[in-house]
Amino acid sequence: MITRTLPYDVAESLRTPEEMAAYLEACIEIADGDAAFIAHCKGMTEVARQTGLSRESLYKALSGERSPSLDTVLKVIAALGLELHAVPSAAANA
């Protein structure tokens, strides 16, 4: 018997800011610095629209081939419906 599967993207089923934040937190843990993977949790088209950047510019900025500006990072964070907070790192507390 052959098992057939369909593509599934969990990001498309996230409905609340809490669900999105939990998913983003998991993405950060496994992304290993891949900012495009992290931004995907809301969908690049929507993130691009909310940041005022083109999808192409956003992909380039988050590709890992260049360092995005802090302005771009802050726009993406806001587009994801999240806030950036600074806390001491575990290493600073050791």
C-alpha atoms as a PDB file:
ATOM      1  CA  MET A   1       0.000   0.000   0.000  1.00  0.00           C
ATOM      2  CA  ILE A   2       1.307   3.427  -0.980  1.00  0.00           C
ATOM      3  CA  THR A   3       0.900   6.259   1.489  1.00  0.00           C
ATOM      4  CA  ARG A   4       0.220   9.566  -0.202  1.00  0.00           C
ATOM      5  CA  THR A   5       0.896  12.824   1.570  1.00  0.00           C
ATOM      6  CA  LEU A   6       0.118  16.432   0.847  1.00  0.00           C
ATOM      7  CA  PRO A   7       2.315  19.426   1.620  1.00  0.00           C
ATOM      8  CA  TYR A   8       1.472  20.932   4.994  1.00  0.00           C
ATOM      9  CA  ASP A   9       2.731  24.170   6.473  1.00  0.00           C
ATOM     10  CA  VAL A  10       1.881  24.608  10.133  1.00  0.00           C
ATOM     11  CA  ALA A  11       2.455  28.362   9.784  1.00  0.00           C
ATOM     12  CA  GLU A  12      -0.719  28.591   7.716  1.00  0.00           C
ATOM     13  CA  SER A  13      -2.811  27.294  10.621  1.00  0.00           C
ATOM     14  CA  LEU A  14      -1.586  29.753  13.266  1.00  0.00           C
ATOM     15  CA  ARG A  15      -4.457  32.011  14.267  1.00  0.00           C
ATOM     16  CA  THR A  16      -3.552  33.892  17.441  1.00  0.00           C
ATOM     17  CA  PRO A  17      -0.520  35.934  18.479  1.00  0.00           C
ATOM     18  CA  GLU A  18       0.059  33.383  21.252  1.00  0.00           C
ATOM     19  CA  GLU A  19       0.179  30.488  18.770  1.00  0.00           C
ATOM     20  CA  MET A  20       2.469  32.495  16.509  1.00  0.00           C
ATOM     21  CA  ALA A  21       4.787  33.398  19.399  1.00  0.00           C
ATOM     22  CA  ALA A  22       4.999  29.757  20.522  1.00  0.00           C
ATOM     23  CA  TYR A  23       5.738  28.633  16.971  1.00  0.00           C
ATOM     24  CA  LEU A  24       8.342  31.380  16.518  1.00  0.00           C
ATOM     25  CA  GLU A  25       9.998  30.364  19.784  1.00  0.00           C
ATOM     26  CA  ALA A  26      10.273  26.793  18.480  1.00  0.00           C
ATOM     27  CA  CYS A  27      11.596  28.088  15.135  1.00  0.00           C
ATOM     28  CA  ILE A  28      14.280  30.131  16.879  1.00  0.00           C
ATOM     29  CA  GLU A  29      15.418  27.037  18.743  1.00  0.00           C
ATOM     30  CA  ILE A  30      15.826  24.952  15.585  1.00  0.00           C
ATOM     31  CA  ALA A  31      16.604  27.629  12.950  1.00  0.00           C
ATOM     32  CA  ASP A  32      20.313  27.814  13.762  1.00  0.00           C
ATOM     33  CA  GLY A  33      20.432  31.473  12.739  1.00  0.00           C
ATOM     34  CA  ASP A  34      18.295  31.109   9.593  1.00  0.00           C
ATOM     35  CA  ALA A  35      16.277  34.334   9.723  1.00  0.00           C
ATOM     36  CA  ALA A  36      14.272  33.469   6.594  1.00  0.00           C
ATOM     37  CA  PHE A  37      13.080  30.284   8.290  1.00  0.00           C
ATOM     38  CA  ILE A  38      11.973  32.330  11.286  1.00  0.00           C
ATOM     39  CA  ALA A  39      10.130  34.938   9.209  1.00  0.00           C
ATOM     40  CA  HIS A  40       8.345  32.129   7.352  1.00  0.00           C
ATOM     41  CA  CYS A  41       6.238  31.455  10.457  1.00  0.00           C
ATOM     42  CA  LYS A  42       3.840  34.149   9.279  1.00  0.00           C
ATOM     43  CA  GLY A  43       4.447  33.858   5.559  1.00  0.00           C
ATOM     44  CA  MET A  44       6.883  35.992   3.636  1.00  0.00           C
ATOM     45  CA  THR A  45       4.206  37.672   1.522  1.00  0.00           C
ATOM     46  CA  GLU A  46       2.384  38.921   4.609  1.00  0.00           C
ATOM     47  CA  VAL A  47       5.611  39.929   6.372  1.00  0.00           C
ATOM     48  CA  ALA A  48       6.724  41.814   3.252  1.00  0.00           C
ATOM     49  CA  ARG A  49       3.396  43.610   3.008  1.00  0.00           C
ATOM     50  CA  GLN A  50       3.455  44.674   6.654  1.00  0.00           C
ATOM     51  CA  THR A  51       7.089  45.792   6.586  1.00  0.00           C
ATOM     52  CA  GLY A  52       6.733  47.733   3.349  1.00  0.00           C
ATOM     53  CA  LEU A  53       9.554  45.716   1.804  1.00  0.00           C
ATOM     54  CA  SER A  54       9.295  43.615  -1.325  1.00  0.00           C
ATOM     55  CA  ARG A  55       9.403  39.838  -0.892  1.00  0.00           C
ATOM     56  CA  GLU A  56      12.640  39.796  -2.859  1.00  0.00           C
ATOM     57  CA  SER A  57      14.237  42.414  -0.596  1.00  0.00           C
ATOM     58  CA  LEU A  58      13.044  40.559   2.458  1.00  0.00           C
ATOM     59  CA  TYR A  59      14.432  37.227   1.225  1.00  0.00           C
ATOM     60  CA  LYS A  60      17.770  38.895   0.423  1.00  0.00           C
ATOM     61  CA  ALA A  61      17.920  40.636   3.801  1.00  0.00           C
ATOM     62  CA  LEU A  62      17.159  37.398   5.658  1.00  0.00           C
ATOM     63  CA  SER A  63      19.117  35.031   3.422  1.00  0.00           C
ATOM     64  CA  GLY A  64      22.163  34.834   5.635  1.00  0.00           C
ATOM     65  CA  GLU A  65      24.303  36.135   2.782  1.00  0.00           C
ATOM     66  CA  ARG A  66      24.139  39.629   4.225  1.00  0.00           C
ATOM     67  CA  SER A  67      23.325  41.115   7.599  1.00  0.00           C
ATOM     68  CA  PRO A  68      19.921  42.798   7.744  1.00  0.00           C
ATOM     69  CA  SER A  69      19.761  46.259   9.244  1.00  0.00           C
ATOM     70  CA  LEU A  70      18.318  46.657  12.712  1.00  0.00           C
ATOM     71  CA  ASP A  71      15.487  48.616  11.087  1.00  0.00           C
ATOM     72  CA  THR A  72      14.592  45.577   8.948  1.00  0.00           C
ATOM     73  CA  VAL A  73      14.793  43.239  11.937  1.00  0.00           C
ATOM     74  CA  LEU A  74      12.519  45.498  13.988  1.00  0.00           C
ATOM     75  CA  LYS A  75      10.012  45.748  11.106  1.00  0.00           C
ATOM     76  CA  VAL A  76       9.927  41.946  10.745  1.00  0.00           C
ATOM     77  CA  ILE A  77       9.446  41.491  14.487  1.00  0.00           C
ATOM     78  CA  ALA A  78       6.556  43.977  14.448  1.00  0.00           C
ATOM     79  CA  ALA A  79       5.045  42.294  11.363  1.00  0.00           C
ATOM     80  CA  LEU A  80       5.104  39.001  13.245  1.00  0.00           C
ATOM     81  CA  GLY A  81       3.058  40.662  15.984  1.00  0.00           C
ATOM     82  CA  LEU A  82       5.873  40.310  18.479  1.00  0.00           C
ATOM     83  CA  GLU A  83       7.922  42.575  20.696  1.00  0.00           C
ATOM     84  CA  LEU A  84      11.655  42.509  21.254  1.00  0.00           C
ATOM     85  CA  HIS A  85      12.792  42.431  24.875  1.00  0.00           C
ATOM     86  CA  ALA A  86      16.307  42.410  26.256  1.00  0.00           C
ATOM     87  CA  VAL A  87      17.157  40.075  29.124  1.00  0.00           C
ATOM     88  CA  PRO A  88      20.523  39.080  30.548  1.00  0.00           C
ATOM     89  CA  SER A  89      21.923  35.949  28.919  1.00  0.00           C
ATOM     90  CA  ALA A  90      22.517  32.799  30.906  1.00  0.00           C
ATOM     91  CA  ALA A  91      26.253  33.343  30.400  1.00  0.00           C
ATOM     92  CA  ALA A  92      26.002  36.793  32.002  1.00  0.00           C
ATOM     93  CA  ASN A  93      24.442  35.200  35.069  1.00  0.00           C
ATOM     94  CA  ALA A  94      27.107  32.503  35.420  1.00  0.00           C
END
